[in-house]
C-alpha atoms as a PDB file:
ATOM      1  CA  MET A   1     -38.173  12.993 -43.189  1.00  0.00           C
ATOM      2  CA  THR A   2     -38.693  16.348 -41.043  1.00  0.00           C
ATOM      3  CA  THR A   3     -35.992  18.877 -41.329  1.00  0.00           C
ATOM      4  CA  LYS A   4     -33.917  19.761 -38.014  1.00  0.00           C
ATOM      5  CA  ARG A   5     -34.980  23.574 -37.486  1.00  0.00           C
ATOM      6  CA  LYS A   6     -33.199  26.232 -35.635  1.00  0.00           C
ATOM      7  CA  VAL A   7     -36.548  27.030 -33.832  1.00  0.00           C
ATOM      8  CA  GLY A   8     -38.672  23.546 -33.471  1.00  0.00           C
ATOM      9  CA  ASN A   9     -41.339  25.252 -31.468  1.00  0.00           C
ATOM     10  CA  LEU A  10     -44.533  25.265 -33.451  1.00  0.00           C
ATOM     11  CA  LEU A  11     -45.699  28.716 -31.700  1.00  0.00           C
ATOM     12  CA  GLY A  12     -42.501  29.736 -33.820  1.00  0.00           C
ATOM     13  CA  LEU A  13     -44.534  29.033 -36.908  1.00  0.00           C
ATOM     14  CA  ALA A  14     -47.364  30.759 -35.846  1.00  0.00           C
ATOM     15  CA  VAL A  15     -45.152  34.182 -35.125  1.00  0.00           C
ATOM     16  CA  LEU A  16     -43.630  33.955 -38.626  1.00  0.00           C
ATOM     17  CA  SER A  17     -47.337  33.360 -40.092  1.00  0.00           C
ATOM     18  CA  TYR A  18     -48.744  36.575 -38.480  1.00  0.00           C
ATOM     19  CA  LEU A  19     -45.902  38.662 -39.208  1.00  0.00           C
ATOM     20  CA  LEU A  20     -46.452  37.818 -42.821  1.00  0.00           C
ATOM     21  CA  MET A  21     -49.533  40.142 -42.445  1.00  0.00           C
ATOM     22  CA  ARG A  22     -47.544  43.227 -40.638  1.00  0.00           C
ATOM     23  CA  PRO A  23     -45.064  43.903 -38.285  1.00  0.00           C
ATOM     24  CA  MET A  24     -46.047  43.294 -34.822  1.00  0.00           C
ATOM     25  CA  HIS A  25     -45.061  43.300 -31.154  1.00  0.00           C
ATOM     26  CA  PRO A  26     -45.307  40.371 -28.698  1.00  0.00           C
ATOM     27  CA  TYR A  27     -48.365  41.693 -27.034  1.00  0.00           C
ATOM     28  CA  GLU A  28     -50.222  42.153 -30.605  1.00  0.00           C
ATOM     29  CA  LEU A  29     -48.992  38.666 -31.310  1.00  0.00           C
ATOM     30  CA  SER A  30     -50.353  36.754 -28.397  1.00  0.00           C
ATOM     31  CA  LYS A  31     -54.002  39.144 -28.940  1.00  0.00           C
ATOM     32  CA  ALA A  32     -53.784  37.782 -32.477  1.00  0.00           C
ATOM     33  CA  LEU A  33     -53.382  34.389 -31.560  1.00  0.00           C
ATOM     34  CA  ARG A  34     -56.068  34.447 -28.796  1.00  0.00           C
ATOM     35  CA  ASP A  35     -58.651  36.365 -30.980  1.00  0.00           C
ATOM     36  CA  ASN A  36     -58.278  33.921 -33.798  1.00  0.00           C
ATOM     37  CA  GLY A  37     -58.565  30.655 -31.905  1.00  0.00           C
ATOM     38  CA  ASP A  38     -54.994  29.531 -32.311  1.00  0.00           C
ATOM     39  CA  ALA A  39     -54.587  28.891 -28.495  1.00  0.00           C
ATOM     40  CA  ARG A  40     -56.589  25.551 -28.894  1.00  0.00           C
ATOM     41  CA  SER A  41     -54.330  24.116 -31.627  1.00  0.00           C
ATOM     42  CA  ILE A  42     -50.996  25.735 -30.439  1.00  0.00           C
ATOM     43  CA  LYS A  43     -50.001  25.797 -26.686  1.00  0.00           C
ATOM     44  CA  PHE A  44     -48.368  29.108 -25.242  1.00  0.00           C
ATOM     45  CA  ASN A  45     -48.365  31.320 -22.567  1.00  0.00           C
ATOM     46  CA  HIS A  46     -46.603  35.176 -22.394  1.00  0.00           C
ATOM     47  CA  GLY A  47     -43.232  33.888 -21.174  1.00  0.00           C
ATOM     48  CA  SER A  48     -43.238  31.176 -23.644  1.00  0.00           C
ATOM     49  CA  LEU A  49     -44.346  33.847 -26.672  1.00  0.00           C
ATOM     50  CA  TYR A  50     -41.347  35.922 -25.609  1.00  0.00           C
ATOM     51  CA  MET A  51     -38.981  33.162 -25.484  1.00  0.00           C
ATOM     52  CA  VAL A  52     -39.946  32.034 -29.242  1.00  0.00           C
ATOM     53  CA  VAL A  53     -39.761  35.738 -30.279  1.00  0.00           C
ATOM     54  CA  GLY A  54     -36.051  35.993 -28.874  1.00  0.00           C
ATOM     55  CA  GLN A  55     -35.319  32.665 -30.513  1.00  0.00           C
ATOM     56  CA  LEU A  56     -36.381  33.681 -33.747  1.00  0.00           C
ATOM     57  CA  ALA A  57     -34.745  37.009 -33.652  1.00  0.00           C
ATOM     58  CA  LYS A  58     -31.646  35.142 -32.880  1.00  0.00           C
ATOM     59  CA  ALA A  59     -31.899  32.934 -35.742  1.00  0.00           C
ATOM     60  CA  GLY A  60     -32.743  35.818 -37.984  1.00  0.00           C
ATOM     61  CA  PHE A  61     -35.808  35.289 -38.872  1.00  0.00           C
ATOM     62  CA  ILE A  62     -37.189  38.351 -37.402  1.00  0.00           C
ATOM     63  CA  THR A  63     -35.866  41.568 -36.692  1.00  0.00           C
ATOM     64  CA  GLU A  64     -36.558  44.345 -34.389  1.00  0.00           C
ATOM     65  CA  GLN A  65     -38.034  47.344 -36.370  1.00  0.00           C
ATOM     66  CA  GLU A  66     -38.926  49.916 -33.578  1.00  0.00           C
ATOM     67  CA  THR A  67     -39.276  50.173 -29.985  1.00  0.00           C
ATOM     68  CA  SER A  68     -41.391  52.771 -28.289  1.00  0.00           C
ATOM     69  CA  ARG A  69     -43.354  53.296 -25.028  1.00  0.00           C
ATOM     70  CA  ASP A  70     -46.804  54.463 -24.451  1.00  0.00           C
ATOM     71  CA  GLY A  71     -46.682  56.632 -21.096  1.00  0.00           C
ATOM     72  CA  ALA A  72     -45.829  54.343 -17.908  1.00  0.00           C
ATOM     73  CA  ARG A  73     -46.182  51.197 -20.005  1.00  0.00           C
ATOM     74  CA  PRO A  74     -42.968  49.187 -20.300  1.00  0.00           C
ATOM     75  CA  GLU A  75     -41.117  49.323 -23.869  1.00  0.00           C
ATOM     76  CA  ARG A  76     -42.961  47.339 -26.523  1.00  0.00           C
ATOM     77  CA  THR A  77     -40.450  46.165 -29.335  1.00  0.00           C
ATOM     78  CA  VAL A  78     -42.074  45.740 -32.833  1.00  0.00           C
ATOM     79  CA  TYR A  79     -40.675  42.624 -34.987  1.00  0.00           C
ATOM     80  CA  ALA A  80     -40.779  42.245 -38.785  1.00  0.00           C
ATOM     81  CA  LEU A  81     -39.999  39.348 -40.494  1.00  0.00           C
ATOM     82  CA  THR A  82     -36.947  39.143 -42.753  1.00  0.00           C
ATOM     83  CA  GLU A  83     -36.105  37.586 -46.018  1.00  0.00           C
ATOM     84  CA  ALA A  84     -34.744  34.311 -44.238  1.00  0.00           C
ATOM     85  CA  GLY A  85     -38.189  34.262 -42.122  1.00  0.00           C
ATOM     86  CA  ARG A  86     -40.316  34.203 -44.973  1.00  0.00           C
ATOM     87  CA  ALA A  87     -38.390  31.264 -46.679  1.00  0.00           C
ATOM     88  CA  GLU A  88     -38.536  29.349 -43.242  1.00  0.00           C
ATOM     89  CA  GLN A  89     -42.328  30.012 -43.086  1.00  0.00           C
ATOM     90  CA  ARG A  90     -42.917  28.658 -46.376  1.00  0.00           C
ATOM     91  CA  ASP A  91     -40.904  25.655 -46.015  1.00  0.00           C
ATOM     92  CA  TRP A  92     -41.691  24.892 -42.325  1.00  0.00           C
ATOM     93  CA  LEU A  93     -45.593  24.945 -43.262  1.00  0.00           C
ATOM     94  CA  ARG A  94     -45.167  23.013 -46.560  1.00  0.00           C
ATOM     95  CA  GLU A  95     -43.270  20.337 -44.602  1.00  0.00           C
ATOM     96  CA  LEU A  96     -46.086  20.128 -41.935  1.00  0.00           C
ATOM     97  CA  VAL A  97     -49.061  19.928 -44.537  1.00  0.00           C
ATOM     98  CA  GLU A  98     -47.093  17.092 -46.741  1.00  0.00           C
ATOM     99  CA  LEU A  99     -45.496  14.887 -44.225  1.00  0.00           C
ATOM    100  CA  PRO A 100     -47.135  12.689 -41.637  1.00  0.00           C
ATOM    101  CA  GLU A 101     -45.309  12.768 -38.458  1.00  0.00           C
ATOM    102  CA  HIS A 102     -45.457   9.927 -35.680  1.00  0.00           C
ATOM    103  CA  GLU A 103     -47.061  11.130 -32.737  1.00  0.00           C
ATOM    104  CA  TYR A 104     -47.301   9.323 -29.095  1.00  0.00           C
ATOM    105  CA  PRO A 105     -50.801  10.358 -28.186  1.00  0.00           C
ATOM    106  CA  HIS A 106     -51.548   9.357 -24.533  1.00  0.00           C
ATOM    107  CA  PHE A 107     -54.656   7.619 -25.534  1.00  0.00           C
ATOM    108  CA  VAL A 108     -52.747   5.351 -27.652  1.00  0.00           C
ATOM    109  CA  ALA A 109     -50.250   4.686 -24.962  1.00  0.00           C
ATOM    110  CA  ALA A 110     -52.968   3.695 -22.519  1.00  0.00           C
ATOM    111  CA  LEU A 111     -54.676   1.310 -25.023  1.00  0.00           C
ATOM    112  CA  SER A 112     -51.441  -0.239 -25.523  1.00  0.00           C
ATOM    113  CA  LEU A 113     -51.388  -1.234 -21.749  1.00  0.00           C
ATOM    114  CA  VAL A 114     -55.039  -1.526 -21.253  1.00  0.00           C
ATOM    115  CA  SER A 115     -55.253  -5.099 -20.326  1.00  0.00           C
ATOM    116  CA  ALA A 116     -53.520  -4.334 -17.240  1.00  0.00           C
ATOM    117  CA  LEU A 117     -56.743  -3.142 -15.795  1.00  0.00           C
ATOM    118  CA  PRO A 118     -59.761  -5.357 -15.394  1.00  0.00           C
ATOM    119  CA  PRO A 119     -62.462  -5.107 -18.517  1.00  0.00           C
ATOM    120  CA  ASP A 120     -65.449  -3.815 -16.426  1.00  0.00           C
ATOM    121  CA  GLU A 121     -63.528  -0.885 -15.176  1.00  0.00           C
ATOM    122  CA  VAL A 122     -62.180  -0.461 -18.788  1.00  0.00           C
ATOM    123  CA  VAL A 123     -65.909  -0.381 -19.998  1.00  0.00           C
ATOM    124  CA  ASP A 124     -66.815   2.305 -17.188  1.00  0.00           C
ATOM    125  CA  LEU A 125     -63.643   4.210 -17.901  1.00  0.00           C
ATOM    126  CA  LEU A 126     -64.359   4.493 -21.506  1.00  0.00           C
ATOM    127  CA  ASN A 127     -68.002   5.267 -20.980  1.00  0.00           C
ATOM    128  CA  ARG A 128     -66.645   8.062 -19.095  1.00  0.00           C
ATOM    129  CA  ARG A 129     -64.337   9.104 -21.633  1.00  0.00           C
ATOM    130  CA  LEU A 130     -67.030   8.935 -24.222  1.00  0.00           C
ATOM    131  CA  ASP A 131     -69.358  11.220 -22.150  1.00  0.00           C
ATOM    132  CA  ARG A 132     -66.498  13.882 -22.225  1.00  0.00           C
ATOM    133  CA  LEU A 133     -65.525  13.309 -25.993  1.00  0.00           C
ATOM    134  CA  THR A 134     -69.436  13.870 -26.600  1.00  0.00           C
ATOM    135  CA  GLY A 135     -69.384  16.995 -24.548  1.00  0.00           C
ATOM    136  CA  ASP A 136     -66.183  18.132 -26.412  1.00  0.00           C
ATOM    137  CA  ARG A 137     -67.796  17.469 -29.690  1.00  0.00           C
ATOM    138  CA  ARG A 138     -71.013  19.610 -28.869  1.00  0.00           C
ATOM    139  CA  SER A 139     -68.689  22.655 -27.902  1.00  0.00           C
ATOM    140  CA  THR A 140     -66.559  22.248 -30.988  1.00  0.00           C
ATOM    141  CA  GLN A 141     -69.568  22.244 -33.002  1.00  0.00           C
ATOM    142  CA  ASP A 142     -71.088  25.376 -31.166  1.00  0.00           C
ATOM    143  CA  ASN A 143     -67.985  27.056 -31.935  1.00  0.00           C
ATOM    144  CA  TYR A 144     -68.024  26.163 -35.437  1.00  0.00           C
ATOM    145  CA  ASP A 145     -71.495  27.003 -35.986  1.00  0.00           C
ATOM    146  CA  GLU A 146     -71.003  30.558 -34.508  1.00  0.00           C
ATOM    147  CA  ALA A 147     -68.086  31.410 -36.656  1.00  0.00           C
ATOM    148  CA  VAL A 148     -70.138  30.466 -39.718  1.00  0.00           C
ATOM    149  CA  GLY A 149     -72.954  32.570 -38.345  1.00  0.00           C
ATOM    150  CA  ASN A 150     -70.480  35.184 -38.305  1.00  0.00           C
ATOM    151  CA  ASP A 151     -69.421  34.942 -41.820  1.00  0.00           C
ATOM    152  CA  VAL A 152     -65.992  33.612 -40.862  1.00  0.00           C
ATOM    153  CA  HIS A 153     -64.291  32.508 -44.101  1.00  0.00           C
ATOM    154  CA  PRO A 154     -64.424  28.308 -44.269  1.00  0.00           C
ATOM    155  CA  LEU A 155     -60.832  28.674 -45.000  1.00  0.00           C
ATOM    156  CA  PHE A 156     -60.135  29.931 -41.383  1.00  0.00           C
ATOM    157  CA  LEU A 157     -62.523  26.894 -40.066  1.00  0.00           C
ATOM    158  CA  VAL A 158     -60.536  24.278 -41.471  1.00  0.00           C
ATOM    159  CA  GLU A 159     -58.744  23.352 -38.359  1.00  0.00           C
ATOM    160  CA  GLU A 160     -62.548  23.334 -36.410  1.00  0.00           C
ATOM    161  CA  GLU A 161     -63.612  20.993 -39.184  1.00  0.00           C
ATOM    162  CA  TYR A 162     -60.494  18.523 -38.778  1.00  0.00           C
ATOM    163  CA  ARG A 163     -61.107  18.660 -34.970  1.00  0.00           C
ATOM    164  CA  LEU A 164     -64.576  17.414 -35.726  1.00  0.00           C
ATOM    165  CA  ALA A 165     -63.472  14.648 -37.672  1.00  0.00           C
ATOM    166  CA  MET A 166     -60.954  13.449 -35.347  1.00  0.00           C
ATOM    167  CA  LEU A 167     -63.767  13.859 -32.720  1.00  0.00           C
ATOM    168  CA  ASP A 168     -66.062  11.590 -34.484  1.00  0.00           C
ATOM    169  CA  ALA A 169     -63.550   8.939 -35.080  1.00  0.00           C
ATOM    170  CA  GLU A 170     -62.413   8.591 -31.612  1.00  0.00           C
ATOM    171  CA  ILE A 171     -66.091   8.707 -30.420  1.00  0.00           C
ATOM    172  CA  ALA A 172     -66.935   5.969 -33.258  1.00  0.00           C
ATOM    173  CA  PHE A 173     -63.984   3.895 -31.907  1.00  0.00           C
ATOM    174  CA  VAL A 174     -64.563   3.852 -28.342  1.00  0.00           C
ATOM    175  CA  ARG A 175     -68.131   2.787 -29.189  1.00  0.00           C
ATOM    176  CA  ARG A 176     -67.152  -0.039 -30.836  1.00  0.00           C
ATOM    177  CA  PHE A 177     -64.387  -0.808 -28.460  1.00  0.00           C
ATOM    178  CA  ILE A 178     -66.973  -0.877 -25.597  1.00  0.00           C
ATOM    179  CA  GLU A 179     -68.984  -3.427 -27.821  1.00  0.00           C
ATOM    180  CA  ARG A 180     -65.946  -5.685 -28.370  1.00  0.00           C
ATOM    181  CA  ILE A 181     -65.649  -6.124 -24.506  1.00  0.00           C
ATOM    182  CA  THR A 182     -69.138  -6.305 -23.415  1.00  0.00           C
ATOM    183  CA  ASP A 183     -70.736  -8.576 -26.364  1.00  0.00           C
ATOM    184  CA  PRO A 184     -72.501 -11.244 -24.423  1.00  0.00           C
ATOM    185  CA  VAL A 185     -70.965 -14.099 -26.963  1.00  0.00           C
ATOM    186  CA  ALA A 186     -67.873 -13.089 -27.974  1.00  0.00           C
ATOM    187  CA  GLY A 187     -66.858 -10.164 -25.815  1.00  0.00           C
ATOM    188  CA  TRP A 188     -63.111  -9.811 -24.905  1.00  0.00           C
ATOM    189  CA  GLY A 189     -64.484  -9.225 -21.009  1.00  0.00           C
ATOM    190  CA  ALA A 190     -65.497 -12.868 -20.896  1.00  0.00           C
ATOM    191  CA  GLY A 191     -62.394 -14.448 -22.021  1.00  0.00           C
ATOM    192  CA  LEU A 192     -58.574 -14.407 -20.925  1.00  0.00           C
ATOM    193  CA  TRP A 193     -58.450 -11.006 -20.333  1.00  0.00           C
ATOM    194  CA  ALA A 194     -61.282 -11.339 -17.410  1.00  0.00           C
ATOM    195  CA  ALA A 195     -59.763 -14.812 -16.539  1.00  0.00           C
ATOM    196  CA  PHE A 196     -56.217 -13.320 -15.726  1.00  0.00           C
ATOM    197  CA  HIS A 197     -57.512 -10.536 -13.483  1.00  0.00           C
ATOM    198  CA  GLU A 198     -59.615 -13.360 -11.842  1.00  0.00           C
ATOM    199  CA  GLY A 199     -56.842 -15.446 -11.170  1.00  0.00           C
ATOM    200  CA  GLU A 200     -54.686 -12.331  -9.743  1.00  0.00           C
ATOM    201  CA  ARG A 201     -57.599 -11.915  -7.187  1.00  0.00           C
ATOM    202  CA  SER A 202     -57.791 -15.795  -6.306  1.00  0.00           C
END
């Protein structure tokens, strides 16, 4: 069972994790998240980052360390992790690694309702999805290979390996699904599914 947290946005966990290294202001945090490719795993923008930083401070997980101004630029507040923040970071990350959580992916929702479309159209849509997945797989592999070539430690590429594995699994599933619909002998497209849509048109 997952814990109800004072700050539930995963961006909060990222902020706590980066502040383990050293105190930073939100601009530095944003740059670190982008430079390390975390924007591919955790959705954020300038506004959401500042909002989460404020929530973490209110919860007592981070605290203002200093505020400075560089010339005419706006003031920048540097935040540091508190002991409560260290404990929260460890507990939250352990929970995410250990406990599977039921999610509601859009594609799974579409599959649960896919019979509402004619099988021929579904095959066309799946083939287009397959093209996109294959493109995503190629670009993800390119990014991974480039990082390996730049001697990035394998520990920091684990999420890319997971992403590749998930893409491989979905590509294999979509191919099998297309085959099950289009099989000339036992394909679903020739059975009740197609007959249902034929009846709708008659």
